[in-house]
């Protein structure tokens, strides 16, 4: 005699197993599909070429004095007063890097602010003077850039590195020979600090006052002594003696 209750239970177990198996297969199929889609997405990301942002391309062109690259990007609407990720304006960057061709292109653009400053308050004239780039300085002067900037001035920067040619050009364009920085430091003090004998002489010959003191009471002679520049010490001492004999 057939045991119907046993057969029924067996059928129910078989049906449940089949249902579970079907569910597992569907889950596996969904996981496989998801994995395929993820792989496809990752492949497309890897395959896609990484393109530099326009501002990055512009900054690179400025640094490498690529005037054609700069002109193309400016023609597409890029701002000539853009800054890099450190807040340095393009014109200041060009002066710092001695990118004269790019500098000329930026200065030819009517939208360029020739007095624009970086976060430290430095402008293109100051950076060109520091770098000893006479051509860039002349380009800026031709565009009526300010020679007597308040505070730290281009003459301080030129004197600090002993760039006599730029010191002379700035003085010829009415740079104030005893310009005082925020702490009272003069170009003569900067030249003395750097041991630039010829620059010290040039400034003195153009009327620099070697008796001027900064806010902590130091003169140019004190700077020369502090930074152990014996030739400058000798020259300034001789000048002082000449003054005292008059």
Protein backbone atom coordinates (compact mmCIF):
# COMPACT_ATOMS: atom_id res chain seq x y z
CA UNK A 1 0.00 0.00 0.00
CA UNK A 2 1.43 3.45 -1.04
CA UNK A 3 2.28 5.92 1.74
CA UNK A 4 0.71 9.10 0.29
CA UNK A 5 1.78 11.33 3.19
CA UNK A 6 5.45 10.35 2.65
CA UNK A 7 5.21 10.93 -1.12
CA UNK A 8 3.58 14.30 -0.60
CA UNK A 9 6.32 15.39 1.81
CA UNK A 10 9.00 14.25 -0.63
CA UNK A 11 7.39 16.21 -3.46
CA UNK A 12 7.19 19.31 -1.29
CA UNK A 13 10.86 18.99 -0.36
CA UNK A 14 11.80 18.55 -4.03
CA UNK A 15 9.74 21.57 -5.04
CA UNK A 16 11.30 23.69 -2.31
CA UNK A 17 14.77 22.60 -3.39
CA UNK A 18 14.04 23.47 -6.99
CA UNK A 19 12.69 26.88 -5.96
CA UNK A 20 15.81 27.57 -3.88
CA UNK A 21 18.05 26.43 -6.73
CA UNK A 22 16.23 28.70 -9.18
CA UNK A 23 16.53 31.62 -6.80
CA UNK A 24 20.25 30.95 -6.35
CA UNK A 25 20.75 30.81 -10.11
CA UNK A 26 18.92 34.10 -10.60
CA UNK A 27 21.03 35.72 -7.85
CA UNK A 28 24.19 34.39 -9.45
CA UNK A 29 23.10 35.74 -12.82
CA UNK A 30 22.44 39.17 -11.33
CA UNK A 31 25.85 39.19 -9.62
CA UNK A 32 27.54 38.16 -12.87
CA UNK A 33 25.74 40.95 -14.74
CA UNK A 34 26.72 43.49 -12.09
CA UNK A 35 30.34 42.35 -12.21
CA UNK A 36 30.32 42.64 -16.00
CA UNK A 37 28.95 46.19 -15.82
CA UNK A 38 31.55 47.22 -13.23
CA UNK A 39 34.37 45.80 -15.34
CA UNK A 40 33.05 47.61 -18.40
CA UNK A 41 32.88 50.89 -16.49
CA UNK A 42 36.42 50.48 -15.17
CA UNK A 43 37.69 49.59 -18.63
CA UNK A 44 36.17 52.75 -20.08
CA UNK A 45 37.80 54.85 -17.36
CA UNK A 46 41.20 53.29 -17.99
CA UNK A 47 40.85 53.61 -21.73
CA UNK A 48 39.73 57.25 -21.63
CA UNK A 49 42.69 59.64 -22.13
CA UNK A 50 43.31 62.03 -19.25
CA UNK A 51 43.22 65.60 -20.50
CA UNK A 52 44.77 68.51 -18.61
CA UNK A 53 42.47 71.29 -17.52
CA UNK A 54 42.83 74.46 -19.63
CA UNK A 55 44.30 76.42 -16.71
CA UNK A 56 46.98 73.73 -16.21
CA UNK A 57 47.89 73.90 -19.88
CA UNK A 58 48.04 77.68 -19.70
CA UNK A 59 50.33 77.66 -16.67
CA UNK A 60 52.62 75.09 -18.28
CA UNK A 61 52.83 77.21 -21.43
CA UNK A 62 53.77 80.25 -19.36
CA UNK A 63 56.53 78.37 -17.53
CA UNK A 64 58.03 77.06 -20.77
CA UNK A 65 57.69 80.39 -22.59
CA UNK A 66 55.36 78.75 -25.11
CA UNK A 67 53.87 81.92 -26.55
CA UNK A 68 51.84 80.08 -29.21
CA UNK A 69 50.21 77.91 -26.57
CA UNK A 70 49.41 80.93 -24.42
CA UNK A 71 47.96 82.89 -27.34
CA UNK A 72 45.75 79.97 -28.38
CA UNK A 73 44.30 79.60 -24.89
CA UNK A 74 43.81 83.35 -24.47
CA UNK A 75 42.02 83.42 -27.83
CA UNK A 76 39.64 80.78 -26.46
CA UNK A 77 38.69 83.10 -23.62
CA UNK A 78 41.16 82.25 -20.85
CA UNK A 79 41.76 85.11 -18.42
CA UNK A 80 45.26 86.66 -18.71
CA UNK A 81 45.01 87.45 -14.99
CA UNK A 82 44.54 83.80 -14.00
CA UNK A 83 46.61 82.40 -11.13
CA UNK A 84 48.21 79.02 -10.49
CA UNK A 85 47.42 76.79 -7.52
CA UNK A 86 49.72 78.89 -5.35
CA UNK A 87 47.99 82.12 -6.23
CA UNK A 88 50.74 83.38 -8.55
CA UNK A 89 49.36 85.41 -11.48
CA UNK A 90 50.47 84.49 -14.98
CA UNK A 91 52.41 87.72 -15.52
CA UNK A 92 54.28 87.35 -12.23
CA UNK A 93 55.00 83.70 -13.07
CA UNK A 94 56.32 84.68 -16.49
CA UNK A 95 58.65 87.24 -14.89
CA UNK A 96 59.89 84.74 -12.33
CA UNK A 97 60.57 82.11 -15.02
CA UNK A 98 62.13 84.62 -17.44
CA UNK A 99 59.46 83.77 -20.02
CA UNK A 100 59.96 86.97 -21.99
CA UNK A 101 57.95 86.03 -25.08
CA UNK A 102 54.95 85.09 -22.97
CA UNK A 103 55.46 88.23 -20.91
CA UNK A 104 55.30 90.36 -24.04
CA UNK A 105 52.13 88.56 -25.16
CA UNK A 106 50.45 89.08 -21.79
CA UNK A 107 51.45 92.74 -21.72
CA UNK A 108 50.01 93.18 -25.21
CA UNK A 109 46.66 91.91 -23.96
CA UNK A 110 44.48 94.88 -22.91
CA UNK A 111 42.87 92.80 -20.17
CA UNK A 112 46.15 92.13 -18.36
CA UNK A 113 46.65 93.89 -15.04
CA UNK A 114 50.35 94.81 -15.13
CA UNK A 115 50.41 95.61 -11.40
CA UNK A 116 48.77 92.35 -10.32
CA UNK A 117 50.41 90.79 -7.24
CA UNK A 118 50.84 87.33 -5.77
CA UNK A 119 49.89 86.44 -2.20
CA UNK A 120 53.20 87.83 -0.94
CA UNK A 121 52.53 91.21 -2.53
CA UNK A 122 55.09 90.72 -5.30
CA UNK A 123 54.41 91.89 -8.84
CA UNK A 124 56.03 91.20 -12.20
CA UNK A 125 58.46 94.15 -11.99
CA UNK A 126 59.77 92.89 -8.66
CA UNK A 127 60.21 89.33 -9.92
CA UNK A 128 61.93 90.45 -13.12
CA UNK A 129 64.27 92.66 -11.08
CA UNK A 130 65.07 89.79 -8.72
CA UNK A 131 65.69 87.39 -11.61
CA UNK A 132 67.94 89.89 -13.39
CA UNK A 133 65.73 89.93 -16.49
CA UNK A 134 66.47 93.37 -17.93
CA UNK A 135 64.42 92.72 -21.06
CA UNK A 136 61.31 91.93 -18.99
CA UNK A 137 61.89 95.04 -16.85
CA UNK A 138 62.07 97.16 -19.99
CA UNK A 139 58.88 95.58 -21.34
CA UNK A 140 57.09 96.53 -18.13
CA UNK A 141 58.50 100.07 -18.10
CA UNK A 142 57.35 100.51 -21.70
CA UNK A 143 53.84 99.71 -20.45
CA UNK A 144 54.18 102.31 -17.66
CA UNK A 145 54.46 99.77 -14.87
CA UNK A 146 54.99 101.37 -11.46
CA UNK A 147 58.67 101.72 -10.56
CA UNK A 148 58.14 103.10 -7.05
CA UNK A 149 55.91 100.45 -5.54
CA UNK A 150 54.99 101.19 -1.93
CA UNK A 151 56.77 98.96 0.58
CA UNK A 152 59.20 96.47 -0.93
CA UNK A 153 60.06 97.93 -4.33
CA UNK A 154 61.70 96.58 -7.49
CA UNK A 155 64.88 98.46 -6.56
CA UNK A 156 65.17 96.42 -3.34
CA UNK A 157 64.92 93.22 -5.37
CA UNK A 158 67.44 94.25 -8.00
CA UNK A 159 69.91 95.43 -5.33
CA UNK A 160 69.48 92.25 -3.28
CA UNK A 161 70.89 90.15 -6.13
CA UNK A 162 73.39 92.71 -7.40
CA UNK A 163 71.78 93.31 -10.79
CA UNK A 164 73.49 96.61 -11.56
CA UNK A 165 72.00 96.97 -15.03
CA UNK A 166 68.48 96.82 -13.64
CA UNK A 167 69.35 99.08 -10.71
CA UNK A 168 70.57 101.67 -13.22
CA UNK A 169 67.47 101.40 -15.41
CA UNK A 170 65.17 101.75 -12.40
CA UNK A 171 67.10 104.79 -11.14
CA UNK A 172 67.01 106.29 -14.65
CA UNK A 173 63.21 105.97 -14.45
CA UNK A 174 63.01 107.84 -11.15
CA UNK A 175 63.12 104.95 -8.70
CA UNK A 176 63.55 106.34 -5.18
CA UNK A 177 67.09 105.41 -4.18
CA UNK A 178 66.34 105.28 -0.44
CA UNK A 179 63.00 103.49 -0.75
CA UNK A 180 62.01 102.06 2.61
CA UNK A 181 60.46 98.63 3.02
CA UNK A 182 57.75 98.10 5.67
CA UNK A 183 60.56 97.64 8.22
CA UNK A 184 62.65 100.51 6.92
CA UNK A 185 65.17 98.48 4.94
CA UNK A 186 66.66 100.34 1.95
CA UNK A 187 68.07 99.02 -1.33
CA UNK A 188 71.54 99.97 -0.09
CA UNK A 189 71.07 97.73 2.93
CA UNK A 190 70.02 94.84 0.68
CA UNK A 191 73.05 95.32 -1.55
CA UNK A 192 75.34 95.47 1.50
CA UNK A 193 73.74 92.34 2.95
CA UNK A 194 74.44 90.45 -0.28
CA UNK A 195 78.03 91.66 -0.55
CA UNK A 196 77.46 93.37 -3.90
CA UNK A 197 80.24 95.96 -3.91
CA UNK A 198 79.50 97.40 -7.35
CA UNK A 199 75.79 97.74 -6.53
CA UNK A 200 76.60 99.50 -3.26
CA UNK A 201 78.85 101.95 -5.15
CA UNK A 202 76.19 102.51 -7.83
CA UNK A 203 73.54 103.33 -5.24
CA UNK A 204 75.87 105.63 -3.30
CA UNK A 205 76.88 107.43 -6.50
CA UNK A 206 73.19 108.03 -7.12
CA UNK A 207 72.62 109.61 -3.74
CA UNK A 208 71.83 106.71 -1.40
CA UNK A 209 72.12 107.72 2.26
CA UNK A 210 74.35 105.28 4.12
CA UNK A 211 73.40 106.76 7.49
CA UNK A 212 69.74 105.69 7.23
CA UNK A 213 68.64 103.16 9.86
CA UNK A 214 65.87 100.59 9.65
CA UNK A 215 63.30 99.98 12.38
CA UNK A 216 65.73 98.04 14.55
CA UNK A 217 68.45 100.65 14.18
CA UNK A 218 70.69 98.97 11.60
CA UNK A 219 72.51 100.88 8.85
CA UNK A 220 73.90 99.49 5.60
CA UNK A 221 77.30 99.20 7.29
CA UNK A 222 75.72 97.18 10.10
CA UNK A 223 74.22 94.82 7.51
CA UNK A 224 77.64 94.32 5.90
CA UNK A 225 79.23 93.57 9.26
CA UNK A 226 76.42 91.22 10.34
CA UNK A 227 76.59 89.21 7.12
CA UNK A 228 80.40 89.24 7.09
CA UNK A 229 80.99 91.11 3.86
CA UNK A 230 84.46 92.65 4.40
CA UNK A 231 84.74 94.36 1.02
CA UNK A 232 81.45 96.18 1.56
CA UNK A 233 82.45 97.05 5.12
CA UNK A 234 85.67 98.57 3.82
CA UNK A 235 83.92 100.55 1.09
CA UNK A 236 81.18 101.92 3.33
CA UNK A 237 83.65 102.79 6.08
CA UNK A 238 85.71 104.75 3.57
CA UNK A 239 82.61 106.62 2.41
CA UNK A 240 81.68 107.49 5.98
CA UNK A 241 85.15 108.87 6.62
CA UNK A 242 84.90 111.01 3.47
CA UNK A 243 81.59 112.39 4.71
CA UNK A 244 83.02 113.23 8.10
CA UNK A 245 85.96 115.06 6.57
CA UNK A 246 83.73 117.43 4.61
